[in-house]
Amino acid sequence: VLELKFKPSDKHNGAFAFVNGIQLIQMPDLLFDSPSLVGYPDQTVDAKSMHMQTMFRLNVGGQYIPPVQDSGLSRTWYDDTPYIYGAAVGVTNQAEKNVTIDYQAMPKYIAPTDVYSTSRSMGTNKDVNMGFNLTWVFQVDPNSMYLTRLHFCDYHYLQSNEIVFSIFVNNQTAQDQADVIGWTGRQGAATYKDYVVYVHEEAGADQLWLALHPNPSTKPRFYDAMLNGVEIFKLNDTDLSGPNPQPSDMMMEYEERIRNFEDKNGHS
């Protein structure tokens, strides 16, 4: 027996509970272990023991992926464009047809091949790349923890230390020297990294920032950074409720495009 309860939050005046539909889908283990807490290198978070809510799921550098094209879990992967901060959007890339995405020991349901075969990078100009961060901004509820899962697959380079970059979550270093080929050992191999950050309840703390920047400390061959996909999950051991964030004008326009796409292609 699975019992679902909907209760208005007592933290917000006039709040009410509602539901538009319910689906029960058997979910495999998404391999949430004990990721590190960003800003506290000696602390980890037992993600498996906590309640989890999907907040964002993006196919970075690629197109919208409807549930029927997911890797068996009926998830929706959105275009990352509405979340990019500023005019420095980098460049989008796609794997050549002769490149096979290798999941190695990772289950294929972690993310579809369309996520790992497209990416967004900074470009080829070293001087330009060193002058900016490739940045995404997400509207979130403050006073909560968030698990950020980043998906990587380097289908272009062949060796480690060709591109090395730093990963920042909310202006804190989550990974100092990210080297995808160094992690996977070969071209076209998929992997992911999990980072947990606590968003404090203070003025202006209703956003989660994700940024990438080339790291020159290992003297890599190229000064670049890349990302294939991102998922953000809200974590809590008791309560996941929160006010609905106000969507941006860009997000409203993007959602209208998605509705038109679904109407045209018969997806719901």
Protein backbone atom coordinates (compact mmCIF):
# COMPACT_ATOMS: atom_id res chain seq x y z
CA VAL A 1 0.00 0.00 0.00
CA LEU A 2 1.28 3.43 -0.92
CA GLU A 3 -0.45 6.31 0.87
CA LEU A 4 -0.23 9.87 -0.47
CA LYS A 5 -1.14 12.89 1.66
CA PHE A 6 -1.42 16.52 0.55
CA LYS A 7 -1.33 19.09 3.34
CA PRO A 8 -1.19 22.91 3.02
CA SER A 9 2.00 24.38 4.41
CA ASP A 10 1.57 26.17 7.74
CA LYS A 11 4.53 28.42 6.86
CA HIS A 12 2.65 30.42 4.22
CA ASN A 13 -0.55 32.33 4.81
CA GLY A 14 -3.38 31.20 2.55
CA ALA A 15 -1.54 28.14 1.23
CA PHE A 16 -3.62 25.26 -0.06
CA ALA A 17 -2.96 21.75 -1.36
CA PHE A 18 -4.00 20.42 -4.77
CA VAL A 19 -3.05 17.81 -7.35
CA ASN A 20 -3.74 17.61 -11.09
CA GLY A 21 -2.82 13.99 -11.68
CA ILE A 22 -0.98 11.05 -10.19
CA GLN A 23 1.31 8.53 -11.86
CA LEU A 24 3.01 5.62 -10.11
CA ILE A 25 6.19 4.60 -11.90
CA GLN A 26 8.60 2.01 -10.59
CA MET A 27 11.99 3.67 -10.28
CA PRO A 28 15.34 1.86 -10.32
CA ASP A 29 18.22 2.90 -8.10
CA LEU A 30 19.55 6.21 -9.47
CA LEU A 31 22.75 5.61 -7.50
CA PHE A 32 22.45 8.44 -5.02
CA ASP A 33 25.11 7.65 -2.46
CA SER A 34 26.76 10.15 -0.12
CA PRO A 35 27.90 13.16 -2.16
CA SER A 36 30.02 15.83 -0.57
CA LEU A 37 28.50 19.03 0.82
CA VAL A 38 29.89 21.96 -1.16
CA GLY A 39 31.85 24.32 1.09
CA TYR A 40 32.38 21.60 3.69
CA PRO A 41 34.93 19.16 2.20
CA ASP A 42 34.83 16.82 5.20
CA GLN A 43 31.03 16.45 5.21
CA THR A 44 28.84 14.21 3.09
CA VAL A 45 25.07 13.91 2.75
CA ASP A 46 23.23 10.57 2.89
CA ALA A 47 21.01 11.33 -0.11
CA LYS A 48 19.38 7.88 -0.12
CA SER A 49 17.76 8.49 3.26
CA MET A 50 16.20 11.84 2.30
CA HIS A 51 13.05 12.90 0.46
CA MET A 52 13.83 14.09 -3.04
CA GLN A 53 12.01 16.32 -5.52
CA THR A 54 13.12 16.88 -9.11
CA MET A 55 13.45 20.62 -9.70
CA PHE A 56 15.29 20.82 -13.03
CA ARG A 57 16.41 18.33 -15.66
CA LEU A 58 18.30 19.78 -18.65
CA ASN A 59 19.86 18.42 -21.81
CA VAL A 60 22.76 20.87 -21.96
CA GLY A 61 23.66 21.93 -25.48
CA GLY A 62 20.95 19.69 -26.89
CA GLN A 63 17.25 19.79 -27.61
CA TYR A 64 14.12 19.01 -25.65
CA ILE A 65 13.73 15.28 -24.97
CA PRO A 66 10.10 14.19 -24.34
CA PRO A 67 9.26 11.30 -21.97
CA VAL A 68 8.80 8.80 -24.82
CA GLN A 69 12.44 9.36 -25.85
CA ASP A 70 13.89 8.99 -22.35
CA SER A 71 15.95 5.93 -21.40
CA GLY A 72 12.99 4.00 -19.98
CA LEU A 73 11.96 6.25 -17.05
CA SER A 74 9.55 8.65 -18.85
CA ARG A 75 11.50 11.72 -17.76
CA THR A 76 11.49 15.06 -19.57
CA TRP A 77 14.79 16.74 -20.41
CA TYR A 78 14.56 20.42 -21.27
CA ASP A 79 16.78 22.72 -23.32
CA ASP A 80 19.22 24.59 -21.05
CA THR A 81 19.08 27.89 -22.96
CA PRO A 82 16.57 29.69 -20.67
CA TYR A 83 18.83 29.13 -17.68
CA ILE A 84 22.10 30.47 -19.12
CA TYR A 85 23.28 33.64 -17.42
CA GLY A 86 24.34 36.60 -19.54
CA ALA A 87 25.34 36.78 -23.17
CA ALA A 88 28.26 34.34 -22.92
CA VAL A 89 26.39 31.20 -23.94
CA GLY A 90 29.42 29.31 -25.27
CA VAL A 91 28.98 26.90 -28.17
CA THR A 92 26.92 23.74 -28.62
CA ASN A 93 28.50 20.51 -29.81
CA GLN A 94 27.36 17.10 -31.04
CA ALA A 95 29.17 13.78 -31.22
CA GLU A 96 30.14 12.45 -34.62
CA LYS A 97 28.06 9.56 -35.93
CA ASN A 98 31.01 7.17 -35.58
CA VAL A 99 31.28 7.82 -31.82
CA THR A 100 29.48 5.28 -29.63
CA ILE A 101 28.45 6.43 -26.16
CA ASP A 102 29.94 3.97 -23.67
CA TYR A 103 28.10 3.67 -20.35
CA GLN A 104 30.82 1.30 -19.03
CA ALA A 105 29.46 -0.06 -15.71
CA MET A 106 26.83 2.69 -15.40
CA PRO A 107 23.15 1.74 -16.00
CA LYS A 108 21.80 3.19 -19.24
CA TYR A 109 18.72 4.58 -17.49
CA ILE A 110 20.89 7.19 -15.70
CA ALA A 111 20.45 9.45 -18.76
CA PRO A 112 19.60 8.86 -22.44
CA THR A 113 22.30 8.79 -25.10
CA ASP A 114 20.93 12.06 -26.52
CA VAL A 115 22.13 13.79 -23.34
CA TYR A 116 25.64 12.34 -23.54
CA SER A 117 26.01 12.93 -27.29
CA THR A 118 25.47 16.71 -27.06
CA SER A 119 27.20 19.31 -24.90
CA ARG A 120 27.88 22.99 -24.35
CA SER A 121 31.45 24.27 -24.11
CA MET A 122 33.10 27.67 -23.95
CA GLY A 123 34.75 27.70 -27.39
CA THR A 124 38.28 27.67 -28.76
CA ASN A 125 39.48 31.17 -27.87
CA LYS A 126 41.72 30.85 -24.80
CA ASP A 127 41.84 34.56 -24.01
CA VAL A 128 38.05 34.90 -24.22
CA ASN A 129 37.43 31.76 -22.17
CA MET A 130 39.68 32.88 -19.33
CA GLY A 131 37.65 36.07 -19.03
CA PHE A 132 34.23 34.58 -18.22
CA ASN A 133 32.38 31.72 -16.56
CA LEU A 134 29.91 29.50 -18.39
CA THR A 135 27.01 29.99 -15.99
CA TRP A 136 23.46 28.74 -15.39
CA VAL A 137 21.03 30.20 -12.82
CA PHE A 138 18.08 28.32 -11.27
CA GLN A 139 15.21 29.67 -9.18
CA VAL A 140 14.90 27.62 -5.97
CA ASP A 141 13.34 27.68 -2.52
CA PRO A 142 15.73 29.00 0.16
CA ASN A 143 16.48 27.21 3.42
CA SER A 144 16.86 23.86 1.62
CA MET A 145 19.53 21.48 0.36
CA TYR A 146 19.91 20.73 -3.32
CA LEU A 147 21.71 17.88 -5.03
CA THR A 148 23.20 18.92 -8.37
CA ARG A 149 23.95 16.00 -10.69
CA LEU A 150 26.18 16.91 -13.63
CA HIS A 151 26.42 14.58 -16.62
CA PHE A 152 29.64 14.39 -18.66
CA CYS A 153 30.82 12.62 -21.79
CA ASP A 154 33.86 13.86 -23.71
CA TYR A 155 33.38 12.55 -27.24
CA HIS A 156 35.94 14.93 -28.77
CA TYR A 157 39.24 14.66 -26.91
CA LEU A 158 41.28 11.48 -26.48
CA GLN A 159 43.58 12.04 -23.50
CA SER A 160 43.45 13.44 -20.00
CA ASN A 161 44.65 17.00 -19.32
CA GLU A 162 43.43 18.25 -22.70
CA ILE A 163 40.75 20.33 -20.96
CA VAL A 164 40.61 20.81 -17.18
CA PHE A 165 38.11 23.11 -15.50
CA SER A 166 36.67 24.13 -12.14
CA ILE A 167 33.04 23.65 -11.13
CA PHE A 168 31.38 26.20 -8.87
CA VAL A 169 27.99 25.87 -7.17
CA ASN A 170 26.70 29.05 -5.56
CA ASN A 171 30.14 30.67 -5.83
CA GLN A 172 31.79 27.81 -3.95
CA THR A 173 34.24 25.34 -5.46
CA ALA A 174 32.56 21.97 -5.94
CA GLN A 175 35.34 20.47 -8.10
CA ASP A 176 38.72 22.10 -8.55
CA GLN A 177 40.17 20.06 -11.43
CA ALA A 178 37.45 18.43 -13.51
CA ASP A 179 38.96 16.26 -16.26
CA VAL A 180 36.33 14.09 -17.96
CA ILE A 181 38.80 11.87 -19.84
CA GLY A 182 40.80 11.56 -16.63
CA TRP A 183 37.64 10.33 -14.86
CA THR A 184 36.46 7.90 -17.54
CA GLY A 185 39.73 6.77 -19.12
CA ARG A 186 38.56 7.01 -22.72
CA GLN A 187 36.75 9.04 -25.35
CA GLY A 188 32.96 8.71 -25.49
CA ALA A 189 32.55 7.28 -21.99
CA ALA A 190 29.66 8.65 -19.93
CA THR A 191 29.83 9.58 -16.26
CA TYR A 192 28.25 11.92 -13.72
CA LYS A 193 29.18 13.79 -10.55
CA ASP A 194 26.93 14.73 -7.60
CA TYR A 195 27.31 17.82 -5.41
CA VAL A 196 25.06 18.98 -2.57
CA VAL A 197 24.70 22.64 -1.59
CA TYR A 198 22.66 24.28 1.15
CA VAL A 199 20.77 27.41 0.07
CA HIS A 200 20.37 29.69 3.09
CA GLU A 201 17.25 31.70 3.82
CA GLU A 202 18.45 35.27 3.36
CA ALA A 203 17.91 38.19 1.04
CA GLY A 204 18.54 37.19 -2.59
CA ALA A 205 19.08 33.54 -1.69
CA ASP A 206 16.36 32.16 -3.96
CA GLN A 207 18.78 31.21 -6.75
CA LEU A 208 21.23 28.40 -7.34
CA TRP A 209 24.22 29.29 -9.54
CA LEU A 210 26.24 26.73 -11.50
CA ALA A 211 29.43 27.93 -13.20
CA LEU A 212 32.35 26.39 -15.10
CA HIS A 213 35.76 27.98 -15.71
CA PRO A 214 39.02 26.69 -17.23
CA ASN A 215 41.62 25.69 -14.66
CA PRO A 216 45.16 26.47 -15.87
CA SER A 217 46.94 24.93 -12.87
CA THR A 218 47.69 21.61 -14.64
CA LYS A 219 48.64 23.43 -17.88
CA PRO A 220 46.03 21.67 -20.02
CA ARG A 221 46.32 21.64 -23.79
CA PHE A 222 43.16 23.73 -24.21
CA TYR A 223 41.48 26.24 -21.91
CA ASP A 224 37.87 25.18 -22.06
CA ALA A 225 35.01 23.65 -20.03
CA MET A 226 32.08 21.43 -20.98
CA LEU A 227 28.81 19.99 -19.69
CA ASN A 228 26.33 17.50 -21.18
CA GLY A 229 23.43 17.51 -18.74
CA VAL A 230 22.29 18.72 -15.34
CA GLU A 231 19.68 17.55 -12.84
CA ILE A 232 18.81 19.43 -9.65
CA PHE A 233 16.96 17.71 -6.81
CA LYS A 234 15.60 19.32 -3.67
CA LEU A 235 16.49 17.32 -0.55
CA ASN A 236 14.85 17.27 2.87
CA ASP A 237 14.40 14.71 5.61
CA THR A 238 10.84 15.87 6.39
CA ASP A 239 9.18 18.56 4.25
CA LEU A 240 9.60 19.43 0.56
CA SER A 241 6.91 22.11 0.38
CA GLY A 242 7.66 25.66 -0.72
CA PRO A 243 6.17 28.59 -2.61
CA ASN A 244 5.97 28.36 -6.39
CA PRO A 245 8.79 30.48 -7.88
CA GLN A 246 7.91 33.27 -10.30
CA PRO A 247 9.01 32.11 -13.78
CA SER A 248 11.02 34.50 -15.94
CA ASP A 249 9.76 35.91 -19.24
CA MET A 250 12.27 33.72 -21.07
CA MET A 251 10.98 30.64 -19.25
CA MET A 252 7.36 31.48 -20.09
CA GLU A 253 8.29 31.85 -23.77
CA TYR A 254 10.22 28.58 -23.69
CA GLU A 255 7.34 26.67 -22.08
CA GLU A 256 5.03 28.00 -24.79
CA ARG A 257 7.41 26.59 -27.41
CA ILE A 258 7.39 23.22 -25.65
CA ARG A 259 3.58 23.13 -25.57
CA ASN A 260 3.49 23.89 -29.28
CA PHE A 261 6.03 21.12 -29.90
CA GLU A 262 3.99 18.61 -27.91
CA ASP A 263 0.74 19.58 -29.61
CA LYS A 264 2.36 19.21 -33.02
CA ASN A 265 3.96 15.84 -32.23
CA GLY A 266 1.09 14.35 -30.21
CA HIS A 267 2.87 14.22 -26.82
CA SER A 268 1.14 15.06 -23.57
